[in-house]
Amino acid sequence: MSIMTTTCQYFFMLFVDSIINSLQEHHNQQSNEQQKLYKHHKKCYDSPHKYMGLISDGMDEKKNTLATFCPCAKEFKGGKFY
C-alpha cells in the first residue's frame, strides 16, 4: 500500500467523521427544539386562559395574514395624546 493511498484513506475518514459529527449536532438541536415545542404546547393546553400558542415556521411569509403590531408613541396613552 502506498503512502498516497494511506493518506487519502486518512483524510476520507476525517471527512466522514466530520459529517457524522455535524449530523449528530443537527439531530441534538432538532431534539432540543422539539422538546421545547412540546413543553410550550403542554403549557397552552394546561392554561389556555394564560397562554396562546402560535407557530410560525417562516416558510410562507408572503401568504400569511398575521397582524402587524406597531409600537405606540410615548405620548399616546389610553386612546388619547398627551
N, C-alpha and C. Protein backbone atom coordinates (compact mmCIF):
# COMPACT_ATOMS: atom_id res chain seq x y z
N MET A 1 0.85 -1.18 0.00
CA MET A 1 0.00 0.00 0.00
C MET A 1 0.90 1.24 0.00
N SER A 2 0.60 2.17 -0.86
CA SER A 2 1.45 3.35 -0.98
C SER A 2 1.07 4.39 0.07
N ILE A 3 1.96 5.33 0.24
CA ILE A 3 1.72 6.42 1.21
C ILE A 3 0.54 7.26 0.75
N MET A 4 0.39 7.45 -0.54
CA MET A 4 -0.71 8.26 -1.09
C MET A 4 -2.05 7.62 -0.76
N THR A 5 -2.15 6.33 -0.90
CA THR A 5 -3.40 5.64 -0.59
C THR A 5 -3.72 5.76 0.89
N THR A 6 -2.75 5.58 1.74
CA THR A 6 -2.95 5.68 3.18
C THR A 6 -3.37 7.10 3.56
N THR A 7 -2.74 8.09 2.97
CA THR A 7 -3.08 9.49 3.24
C THR A 7 -4.51 9.79 2.78
N CYS A 8 -4.88 9.31 1.61
CA CYS A 8 -6.24 9.53 1.11
C CYS A 8 -7.27 8.87 2.02
N GLN A 9 -6.97 7.66 2.48
CA GLN A 9 -7.88 6.98 3.38
C GLN A 9 -8.02 7.75 4.69
N TYR A 10 -6.92 8.27 5.18
CA TYR A 10 -6.94 9.04 6.43
C TYR A 10 -7.83 10.27 6.30
N PHE A 11 -7.65 11.04 5.21
CA PHE A 11 -8.46 12.24 5.01
C PHE A 11 -9.91 11.90 4.74
N PHE A 12 -10.14 10.79 4.07
CA PHE A 12 -11.52 10.35 3.84
C PHE A 12 -12.20 10.04 5.17
N MET A 13 -11.51 9.36 6.06
CA MET A 13 -12.07 9.03 7.36
C MET A 13 -12.32 10.30 8.19
N LEU A 14 -11.42 11.28 8.10
CA LEU A 14 -11.65 12.56 8.78
C LEU A 14 -12.89 13.25 8.23
N PHE A 15 -13.05 13.19 6.92
CA PHE A 15 -14.21 13.79 6.27
C PHE A 15 -15.50 13.11 6.73
N VAL A 16 -15.50 11.79 6.75
CA VAL A 16 -16.68 11.04 7.18
C VAL A 16 -16.98 11.34 8.64
N ASP A 17 -15.96 11.40 9.48
CA ASP A 17 -16.16 11.72 10.89
C ASP A 17 -16.77 13.11 11.07
N SER A 18 -16.31 14.07 10.28
CA SER A 18 -16.86 15.43 10.41
C SER A 18 -18.32 15.47 9.98
N ILE A 19 -18.68 14.70 8.95
CA ILE A 19 -20.08 14.64 8.52
C ILE A 19 -20.94 13.99 9.61
N ILE A 20 -20.45 12.92 10.19
CA ILE A 20 -21.20 12.24 11.25
C ILE A 20 -21.38 13.17 12.45
N ASN A 21 -20.33 13.90 12.81
CA ASN A 21 -20.44 14.85 13.93
C ASN A 21 -21.44 15.96 13.62
N SER A 22 -21.43 16.46 12.40
CA SER A 22 -22.38 17.51 12.01
C SER A 22 -23.81 17.00 12.07
N LEU A 23 -24.01 15.78 11.60
CA LEU A 23 -25.36 15.21 11.64
C LEU A 23 -25.82 14.98 13.08
N GLN A 24 -24.91 14.57 13.94
CA GLN A 24 -25.25 14.36 15.34
C GLN A 24 -25.61 15.68 16.02
N GLU A 25 -24.86 16.74 15.74
CA GLU A 25 -25.18 18.06 16.29
C GLU A 25 -26.55 18.53 15.80
N HIS A 26 -26.83 18.30 14.52
CA HIS A 26 -28.12 18.69 13.95
C HIS A 26 -29.25 17.91 14.63
N HIS A 27 -29.04 16.62 14.83
CA HIS A 27 -30.05 15.80 15.48
C HIS A 27 -30.29 16.27 16.91
N ASN A 28 -29.23 16.59 17.63
CA ASN A 28 -29.38 17.08 19.01
C ASN A 28 -30.14 18.39 19.05
N GLN A 29 -29.85 19.30 18.12
CA GLN A 29 -30.55 20.58 18.07
C GLN A 29 -32.02 20.37 17.76
N GLN A 30 -32.32 19.50 16.80
CA GLN A 30 -33.71 19.22 16.47
C GLN A 30 -34.45 18.63 17.66
N SER A 31 -33.81 17.73 18.36
CA SER A 31 -34.42 17.09 19.52
C SER A 31 -34.72 18.13 20.61
N ASN A 32 -33.78 19.02 20.86
CA ASN A 32 -33.99 20.08 21.87
C ASN A 32 -35.12 21.00 21.48
N GLU A 33 -35.20 21.38 20.19
CA GLU A 33 -36.28 22.25 19.74
C GLU A 33 -37.63 21.56 19.87
N GLN A 34 -37.67 20.26 19.56
CA GLN A 34 -38.91 19.51 19.66
C GLN A 34 -39.37 19.40 21.11
N GLN A 35 -38.44 19.15 22.03
CA GLN A 35 -38.79 19.09 23.45
C GLN A 35 -39.32 20.42 23.94
N LYS A 36 -38.71 21.51 23.49
CA LYS A 36 -39.17 22.84 23.89
C LYS A 36 -40.58 23.10 23.34
N LEU A 37 -40.82 22.69 22.10
CA LEU A 37 -42.14 22.86 21.49
C LEU A 37 -43.19 22.08 22.27
N TYR A 38 -42.88 20.83 22.64
CA TYR A 38 -43.83 20.03 23.40
C TYR A 38 -44.11 20.64 24.77
N LYS A 39 -43.08 21.20 25.39
CA LYS A 39 -43.26 21.84 26.70
C LYS A 39 -44.22 23.02 26.59
N HIS A 40 -44.01 23.86 25.59
CA HIS A 40 -44.89 25.03 25.40
C HIS A 40 -46.29 24.60 24.96
N HIS A 41 -46.37 23.55 24.18
CA HIS A 41 -47.66 23.02 23.75
C HIS A 41 -48.46 22.57 24.98
N LYS A 42 -47.81 21.89 25.90
CA LYS A 42 -48.47 21.43 27.12
C LYS A 42 -48.93 22.62 27.98
N LYS A 43 -48.09 23.66 28.05
CA LYS A 43 -48.48 24.85 28.82
C LYS A 43 -49.73 25.49 28.23
N CYS A 44 -49.83 25.53 26.91
CA CYS A 44 -51.01 26.13 26.26
C CYS A 44 -52.27 25.35 26.58
N TYR A 45 -52.18 24.02 26.56
CA TYR A 45 -53.36 23.21 26.84
C TYR A 45 -53.70 23.19 28.32
N ASP A 46 -52.72 23.26 29.19
CA ASP A 46 -52.99 23.25 30.62
C ASP A 46 -53.55 24.58 31.11
N SER A 47 -53.13 25.69 30.51
CA SER A 47 -53.58 27.02 30.94
C SER A 47 -53.97 27.86 29.73
N PRO A 48 -55.10 27.53 29.07
CA PRO A 48 -55.47 28.28 27.87
C PRO A 48 -55.85 29.73 28.15
N HIS A 49 -56.25 30.02 29.39
CA HIS A 49 -56.58 31.40 29.74
C HIS A 49 -55.33 32.26 29.90
N LYS A 50 -54.17 31.62 30.04
CA LYS A 50 -52.94 32.35 30.28
C LYS A 50 -51.99 32.36 29.08
N TYR A 51 -51.99 31.26 28.29
CA TYR A 51 -51.04 31.13 27.19
C TYR A 51 -51.76 30.88 25.87
N MET A 52 -51.13 31.37 24.81
CA MET A 52 -51.63 31.11 23.47
C MET A 52 -50.44 30.61 22.65
N GLY A 53 -50.65 29.57 21.89
CA GLY A 53 -49.56 29.03 21.07
C GLY A 53 -49.71 29.49 19.63
N LEU A 54 -48.61 29.96 19.07
CA LEU A 54 -48.58 30.38 17.68
C LEU A 54 -47.27 29.90 17.09
N ILE A 55 -47.35 29.09 16.05
CA ILE A 55 -46.15 28.55 15.42
C ILE A 55 -46.01 29.21 14.06
N SER A 56 -44.89 29.84 13.84
CA SER A 56 -44.59 30.46 12.56
C SER A 56 -43.26 29.89 12.07
N ASP A 57 -43.32 29.12 10.99
CA ASP A 57 -42.10 28.48 10.51
C ASP A 57 -41.35 29.35 9.51
N GLY A 58 -41.93 30.46 9.09
CA GLY A 58 -41.24 31.36 8.18
C GLY A 58 -41.25 30.92 6.74
N MET A 59 -41.95 29.85 6.42
CA MET A 59 -41.95 29.33 5.06
C MET A 59 -42.84 30.15 4.13
N ASP A 60 -43.97 30.61 4.64
CA ASP A 60 -44.93 31.30 3.78
C ASP A 60 -45.10 32.75 4.22
N GLU A 61 -44.02 33.47 4.29
CA GLU A 61 -44.09 34.83 4.82
C GLU A 61 -44.90 35.76 3.93
N LYS A 62 -45.04 35.47 2.65
CA LYS A 62 -45.84 36.31 1.76
C LYS A 62 -47.32 35.96 1.84
N LYS A 63 -47.65 34.78 2.38
CA LYS A 63 -49.02 34.30 2.33
C LYS A 63 -49.76 34.39 3.65
N ASN A 64 -49.11 34.84 4.71
CA ASN A 64 -49.80 34.85 6.00
C ASN A 64 -50.62 36.12 6.17
N THR A 65 -51.56 36.06 7.08
CA THR A 65 -52.41 37.22 7.36
C THR A 65 -52.29 37.61 8.83
N LEU A 66 -51.11 37.47 9.38
CA LEU A 66 -50.91 37.85 10.77
C LEU A 66 -50.92 39.37 10.91
N ALA A 67 -51.46 39.82 12.00
CA ALA A 67 -51.49 41.25 12.25
C ALA A 67 -50.09 41.76 12.55
N THR A 68 -49.81 42.97 12.12
CA THR A 68 -48.53 43.59 12.47
C THR A 68 -48.80 44.59 13.59
N PHE A 69 -47.96 44.57 14.58
CA PHE A 69 -48.14 45.43 15.73
C PHE A 69 -47.11 46.55 15.69
N CYS A 70 -47.61 47.77 15.66
CA CYS A 70 -46.73 48.93 15.64
C CYS A 70 -46.63 49.50 17.05
N PRO A 71 -45.45 49.85 17.48
CA PRO A 71 -45.34 50.45 18.81
C PRO A 71 -46.00 51.83 18.83
N CYS A 72 -46.67 52.11 19.90
CA CYS A 72 -47.33 53.42 20.04
C CYS A 72 -46.31 54.45 20.51
N ALA A 73 -46.60 55.69 20.17
CA ALA A 73 -45.76 56.79 20.62
C ALA A 73 -45.86 56.92 22.13
N LYS A 74 -44.82 57.46 22.76
CA LYS A 74 -44.81 57.61 24.21
C LYS A 74 -45.92 58.53 24.69
N GLU A 75 -46.30 59.48 23.85
CA GLU A 75 -47.31 60.46 24.25
C GLU A 75 -48.72 59.89 24.14
N PHE A 76 -48.89 58.71 23.52
CA PHE A 76 -50.20 58.12 23.28
C PHE A 76 -50.51 57.14 24.41
N LYS A 77 -51.46 57.47 25.26
CA LYS A 77 -51.83 56.60 26.37
C LYS A 77 -53.34 56.52 26.47
N GLY A 78 -53.85 55.33 26.47
CA GLY A 78 -55.29 55.12 26.68
C GLY A 78 -56.16 55.75 25.62
N GLY A 79 -55.72 55.82 24.40
CA GLY A 79 -56.54 56.35 23.32
C GLY A 79 -56.45 57.86 23.18
N LYS A 80 -55.64 58.54 23.98
CA LYS A 80 -55.53 59.99 23.91
C LYS A 80 -54.06 60.39 23.80
N PHE A 81 -53.83 61.47 23.11
CA PHE A 81 -52.49 62.02 23.05
C PHE A 81 -52.28 62.99 24.20
N TYR A 82 -51.11 62.95 24.82
CA TYR A 82 -50.81 63.85 25.93
C TYR A 82 -49.66 64.74 25.55
